[in-house]
Structure formats: structure tokens, C-alpha cells
Amino acid sequence: MIIAKHIIQALSLTGLLLGLTACATITRGTNTAWEVNANPPGAKVTTSNGFYCDSTPCSLKMPRKSEFTATIAKPGYKTLTVRVTNKVSGGGGAAMAGNVLVGGIIGAGVDASSGAMLDLTPNPLNVSLEKDDMPAAPVAAPTPAPSAAPQN
């Protein structure tokens, strides 16, 4: 009877561990580090979903299910805009398969809705900025206002 109790405990523990490793929301989280490298470094990055960094290289904590545009700008260089999407990652797909095998329908639904099984692409984003051949137009100095003539 003692052996049967230990077998049941071992199987329960194994099932629990398999269930946890199958859930991407637990093992991978819903956010990821999205990295940007620009050549030359020191460019500013702004995204259409409100994230930014002042100088590349940089890393931003982004929701895995994000889709956005990133604008990379540096004085003296052409501004570049890149579309970032997401795709099912190898690790996320394996976790989803684990959910199905272990019978975790709820886990599969959570992973799908939270985006935990996704990865941003491209990640890292590596860009080479082109020199801007068109210098900024000079700003004309303001014209002084005419002074009033003295009255006698």
C-alpha cells in the first residue's frame, strides 16, 4: 500500500511539472526584450505603441503580441521606419503542443490570448542608417521690428 501511495505521488508530481512546462504563459511570460541596434549607434527609437529609447543600442520590454512600427532617427541620417509583427515561436509552439498533450485546454486558451506563445519579428532589429545628403535648410534670422520714430 505504501508503494502505491509513492507511485501516485510521483505520477502527480510528474503531471504537475509537465503541465507547468507546457504553459508558455508561465515559462515564457507575456513580455519579451525587443532589441534595436543601429549603425552608427546613438539613434533614437520611437514606436507606434508608445515605447521609445533615446540611444541605440537599446532594449525595450514589449508585449509579445505587439504589432507596431518603429522609427529610427539620428541627426545627419535618413529616418527609417520598420514594421514589427509577431509569429509563433519554436518555444511557444512546443508549449502549446504540451498544453494539448497534457489536456490543458485552459492553458492553450490562455497562451493564445496572452500572446505568450509569440515572438516579435524582427528581433533583434539591426539597421544601417544612410547619411542624409540633403542638409537641413538654414533658418533665416528674424527681421527686427521697425522702431517707432521719436515724437517732438
C-alpha atoms as a PDB file:
ATOM      1  CA  MET A   1       0.000   0.000   0.000  1.00  0.00           C
ATOM      2  CA  ILE A   2       2.916   2.354   0.786  1.00  0.00           C
ATOM      3  CA  ILE A   3       4.439   1.689  -2.653  1.00  0.00           C
ATOM      4  CA  ALA A   4       1.147   2.549  -4.385  1.00  0.00           C
ATOM      5  CA  LYS A   5       0.972   5.829  -2.446  1.00  0.00           C
ATOM      6  CA  HIS A   6       4.503   6.769  -3.583  1.00  0.00           C
ATOM      7  CA  ILE A   7       3.702   5.866  -7.182  1.00  0.00           C
ATOM      8  CA  ILE A   8       0.600   8.071  -7.108  1.00  0.00           C
ATOM      9  CA  GLN A   9       2.602  10.944  -5.604  1.00  0.00           C
ATOM     10  CA  ALA A  10       5.338  10.550  -8.220  1.00  0.00           C
ATOM     11  CA  LEU A  11       2.810  10.489 -11.069  1.00  0.00           C
ATOM     12  CA  SER A  12       1.005  13.520  -9.663  1.00  0.00           C
ATOM     13  CA  LEU A  13       4.239  15.454  -9.345  1.00  0.00           C
ATOM     14  CA  THR A  14       5.278  14.442 -12.879  1.00  0.00           C
ATOM     15  CA  GLY A  15       1.916  15.555 -14.268  1.00  0.00           C
ATOM     16  CA  LEU A  16       2.178  18.878 -12.461  1.00  0.00           C
ATOM     17  CA  LEU A  17       5.680  19.503 -13.785  1.00  0.00           C
ATOM     18  CA  LEU A  18       4.675  18.568 -17.329  1.00  0.00           C
ATOM     19  CA  GLY A  19       1.682  20.880 -17.087  1.00  0.00           C
ATOM     20  CA  LEU A  20       3.835  23.787 -15.937  1.00  0.00           C
ATOM     21  CA  THR A  21       6.459  23.298 -18.622  1.00  0.00           C
ATOM     22  CA  ALA A  22       3.761  23.125 -21.260  1.00  0.00           C
ATOM     23  CA  CYS A  23       2.305  26.512 -20.427  1.00  0.00           C
ATOM     24  CA  ALA A  24       4.050  29.318 -22.333  1.00  0.00           C
ATOM     25  CA  THR A  25       2.427  31.966 -20.147  1.00  0.00           C
ATOM     26  CA  ILE A  26       4.288  30.554 -17.161  1.00  0.00           C
ATOM     27  CA  THR A  27       7.544  29.553 -18.818  1.00  0.00           C
ATOM     28  CA  ARG A  28       7.961  32.457 -21.280  1.00  0.00           C
ATOM     29  CA  GLY A  29       5.799  35.272 -19.938  1.00  0.00           C
ATOM     30  CA  THR A  30       3.703  37.712 -21.939  1.00  0.00           C
ATOM     31  CA  ASN A  31       6.522  40.251 -22.470  1.00  0.00           C
ATOM     32  CA  THR A  32       9.896  39.986 -24.151  1.00  0.00           C
ATOM     33  CA  ALA A  33      13.004  42.108 -24.609  1.00  0.00           C
ATOM     34  CA  TRP A  34      12.923  43.710 -28.080  1.00  0.00           C
ATOM     35  CA  GLU A  35      16.391  44.857 -29.095  1.00  0.00           C
ATOM     36  CA  VAL A  36      17.434  47.552 -31.568  1.00  0.00           C
ATOM     37  CA  ASN A  37      20.936  48.004 -32.956  1.00  0.00           C
ATOM     38  CA  ALA A  38      21.721  50.839 -35.344  1.00  0.00           C
ATOM     39  CA  ASN A  39      24.869  51.520 -37.300  1.00  0.00           C
ATOM     40  CA  PRO A  40      26.039  54.099 -36.421  1.00  0.00           C
ATOM     41  CA  PRO A  41      24.908  53.810 -32.783  1.00  0.00           C
ATOM     42  CA  GLY A  42      23.183  56.630 -30.942  1.00  0.00           C
ATOM     43  CA  ALA A  43      19.894  56.744 -32.886  1.00  0.00           C
ATOM     44  CA  LYS A  44      16.566  57.456 -31.201  1.00  0.00           C
ATOM     45  CA  VAL A  45      13.855  54.791 -31.478  1.00  0.00           C
ATOM     46  CA  THR A  46      10.130  55.531 -31.158  1.00  0.00           C
ATOM     47  CA  THR A  47       7.316  53.035 -31.635  1.00  0.00           C
ATOM     48  CA  SER A  48       3.708  53.493 -32.679  1.00  0.00           C
ATOM     49  CA  ASN A  49       2.592  51.876 -29.412  1.00  0.00           C
ATOM     50  CA  GLY A  50       4.284  54.488 -27.213  1.00  0.00           C
ATOM     51  CA  PHE A  51       7.636  52.903 -26.343  1.00  0.00           C
ATOM     52  CA  TYR A  52      10.943  54.655 -27.020  1.00  0.00           C
ATOM     53  CA  CYS A  53      14.641  54.721 -26.260  1.00  0.00           C
ATOM     54  CA  ASP A  54      16.945  57.699 -26.617  1.00  0.00           C
ATOM     55  CA  SER A  55      20.056  55.963 -27.903  1.00  0.00           C
ATOM     56  CA  THR A  56      20.820  52.696 -29.672  1.00  0.00           C
ATOM     57  CA  PRO A  57      21.759  50.026 -28.933  1.00  0.00           C
ATOM     58  CA  CYS A  58      18.779  49.578 -26.646  1.00  0.00           C
ATOM     59  CA  SER A  59      16.310  47.017 -25.380  1.00  0.00           C
ATOM     60  CA  LEU A  60      12.623  47.596 -24.655  1.00  0.00           C
ATOM     61  CA  LYS A  61      10.281  45.319 -22.689  1.00  0.00           C
ATOM     62  CA  MET A  62       7.411  44.762 -25.127  1.00  0.00           C
ATOM     63  CA  PRO A  63       4.246  42.645 -25.091  1.00  0.00           C
ATOM     64  CA  ARG A  64       4.866  39.516 -27.189  1.00  0.00           C
ATOM     65  CA  LYS A  65       1.625  40.016 -29.117  1.00  0.00           C
ATOM     66  CA  SER A  66       2.554  43.568 -30.200  1.00  0.00           C
ATOM     67  CA  GLU A  67       2.433  44.745 -33.784  1.00  0.00           C
ATOM     68  CA  PHE A  68       3.829  48.222 -34.362  1.00  0.00           C
ATOM     69  CA  THR A  69       6.049  50.454 -36.458  1.00  0.00           C
ATOM     70  CA  ALA A  70       9.430  51.562 -35.178  1.00  0.00           C
ATOM     71  CA  THR A  71      11.024  54.807 -36.307  1.00  0.00           C
ATOM     72  CA  ILE A  72      14.797  55.085 -36.028  1.00  0.00           C
ATOM     73  CA  ALA A  73      16.201  58.606 -36.345  1.00  0.00           C
ATOM     74  CA  LYS A  74      19.588  60.256 -35.953  1.00  0.00           C
ATOM     75  CA  PRO A  75      20.605  63.796 -36.990  1.00  0.00           C
ATOM     76  CA  GLY A  76      22.509  63.733 -40.284  1.00  0.00           C
ATOM     77  CA  TYR A  77      20.950  60.386 -41.324  1.00  0.00           C
ATOM     78  CA  LYS A  78      17.776  59.397 -43.155  1.00  0.00           C
ATOM     79  CA  THR A  79      14.944  58.373 -40.843  1.00  0.00           C
ATOM     80  CA  LEU A  80      13.993  54.717 -41.160  1.00  0.00           C
ATOM     81  CA  THR A  81      10.603  53.155 -40.374  1.00  0.00           C
ATOM     82  CA  VAL A  82      10.268  49.398 -39.856  1.00  0.00           C
ATOM     83  CA  ARG A  83       7.169  47.255 -39.326  1.00  0.00           C
ATOM     84  CA  VAL A  84       7.428  44.794 -36.395  1.00  0.00           C
ATOM     85  CA  THR A  85       4.981  41.885 -36.176  1.00  0.00           C
ATOM     86  CA  ASN A  86       4.835  38.622 -34.276  1.00  0.00           C
ATOM     87  CA  LYS A  87       4.901  34.923 -35.075  1.00  0.00           C
ATOM     88  CA  VAL A  88       4.525  31.671 -33.160  1.00  0.00           C
ATOM     89  CA  SER A  89       7.936  30.885 -31.757  1.00  0.00           C
ATOM     90  CA  GLY A  90       9.545  27.470 -31.503  1.00  0.00           C
ATOM     91  CA  GLY A  91       9.288  27.585 -27.703  1.00  0.00           C
ATOM     92  CA  GLY A  92       5.720  28.872 -27.830  1.00  0.00           C
ATOM     93  CA  GLY A  93       4.673  26.164 -30.277  1.00  0.00           C
ATOM     94  CA  ALA A  94       6.224  23.474 -28.087  1.00  0.00           C
ATOM     95  CA  ALA A  95       4.405  24.863 -25.054  1.00  0.00           C
ATOM     96  CA  MET A  96       1.124  24.856 -26.998  1.00  0.00           C
ATOM     97  CA  ALA A  97       1.720  21.247 -28.056  1.00  0.00           C
ATOM     98  CA  GLY A  98       2.431  20.420 -24.412  1.00  0.00           C
ATOM     99  CA  ASN A  99      -0.884  22.012 -23.453  1.00  0.00           C
ATOM    100  CA  VAL A 100      -2.681  19.801 -25.954  1.00  0.00           C
ATOM    101  CA  LEU A 101      -0.864  16.607 -24.886  1.00  0.00           C
ATOM    102  CA  VAL A 102      -1.394  17.174 -21.182  1.00  0.00           C
ATOM    103  CA  GLY A 103      -5.003  18.166 -21.788  1.00  0.00           C
ATOM    104  CA  GLY A 104      -4.544  21.797 -20.828  1.00  0.00           C
ATOM    105  CA  ILE A 105      -7.315  23.340 -22.899  1.00  0.00           C
ATOM    106  CA  ILE A 106      -7.447  26.263 -20.472  1.00  0.00           C
ATOM    107  CA  GLY A 107      -3.660  26.707 -20.715  1.00  0.00           C
ATOM    108  CA  ALA A 108      -3.853  26.645 -24.507  1.00  0.00           C
ATOM    109  CA  GLY A 109      -6.533  29.346 -24.436  1.00  0.00           C
ATOM    110  CA  VAL A 110      -4.525  31.498 -22.032  1.00  0.00           C
ATOM    111  CA  ASP A 111      -1.362  31.139 -24.134  1.00  0.00           C
ATOM    112  CA  ALA A 112      -3.216  32.044 -27.320  1.00  0.00           C
ATOM    113  CA  SER A 113      -4.961  35.096 -25.850  1.00  0.00           C
ATOM    114  CA  SER A 114      -1.999  36.410 -23.851  1.00  0.00           C
ATOM    115  CA  GLY A 115       0.463  36.148 -26.724  1.00  0.00           C
ATOM    116  CA  ALA A 116       2.881  34.078 -24.624  1.00  0.00           C
ATOM    117  CA  MET A 117       3.491  31.673 -27.496  1.00  0.00           C
ATOM    118  CA  LEU A 118       4.567  34.524 -29.812  1.00  0.00           C
ATOM    119  CA  ASP A 119       7.870  36.226 -30.558  1.00  0.00           C
ATOM    120  CA  LEU A 120       8.373  39.664 -32.079  1.00  0.00           C
ATOM    121  CA  THR A 121       9.935  39.705 -35.521  1.00  0.00           C
ATOM    122  CA  PRO A 122      12.405  41.052 -36.368  1.00  0.00           C
ATOM    123  CA  ASN A 123      14.124  40.699 -33.013  1.00  0.00           C
ATOM    124  CA  PRO A 124      16.762  41.934 -32.744  1.00  0.00           C
ATOM    125  CA  LEU A 125      16.226  44.723 -35.236  1.00  0.00           C
ATOM    126  CA  ASN A 126      19.561  45.541 -36.879  1.00  0.00           C
ATOM    127  CA  VAL A 127      19.610  48.586 -39.166  1.00  0.00           C
ATOM    128  CA  SER A 128      22.221  50.589 -41.037  1.00  0.00           C
ATOM    129  CA  LEU A 129      21.327  54.244 -41.346  1.00  0.00           C
ATOM    130  CA  GLU A 130      22.155  56.097 -44.559  1.00  0.00           C
ATOM    131  CA  LYS A 131      23.761  59.531 -44.487  1.00  0.00           C
ATOM    132  CA  ASP A 132      21.319  62.274 -45.396  1.00  0.00           C
ATOM    133  CA  ASP A 133      22.748  64.123 -48.419  1.00  0.00           C
ATOM    134  CA  MET A 134      20.249  66.940 -48.059  1.00  0.00           C
ATOM    135  CA  PRO A 135      21.397  69.293 -45.297  1.00  0.00           C
ATOM    136  CA  ALA A 136      18.702  70.951 -43.274  1.00  0.00           C
ATOM    137  CA  ALA A 137      17.521  74.252 -44.756  1.00  0.00           C
ATOM    138  CA  PRO A 138      19.074  77.210 -42.973  1.00  0.00           C
ATOM    139  CA  VAL A 139      16.733  79.063 -40.699  1.00  0.00           C
ATOM    140  CA  ALA A 140      16.501  82.752 -41.525  1.00  0.00           C
ATOM    141  CA  ALA A 141      17.187  85.171 -38.700  1.00  0.00           C
ATOM    142  CA  PRO A 142      14.084  87.057 -37.564  1.00  0.00           C
ATOM    143  CA  THR A 143      13.665  90.522 -39.051  1.00  0.00           C
ATOM    144  CA  PRO A 144      13.771  93.184 -36.337  1.00  0.00           C
ATOM    145  CA  ALA A 145      10.572  95.142 -35.866  1.00  0.00           C
ATOM    146  CA  PRO A 146      10.730  98.745 -37.095  1.00  0.00           C
ATOM    147  CA  SER A 147      11.362 101.144 -34.268  1.00  0.00           C
ATOM    148  CA  ALA A 148       8.970 103.987 -33.675  1.00  0.00           C
ATOM    149  CA  ALA A 149      10.150 107.445 -34.745  1.00  0.00           C
ATOM    150  CA  PRO A 150      10.683 109.860 -31.860  1.00  0.00           C
ATOM    151  CA  GLN A 151       7.935 112.439 -31.456  1.00  0.00           C
ATOM    152  CA  ASN A 152       8.623 116.120 -30.823  1.00  0.00           C
END
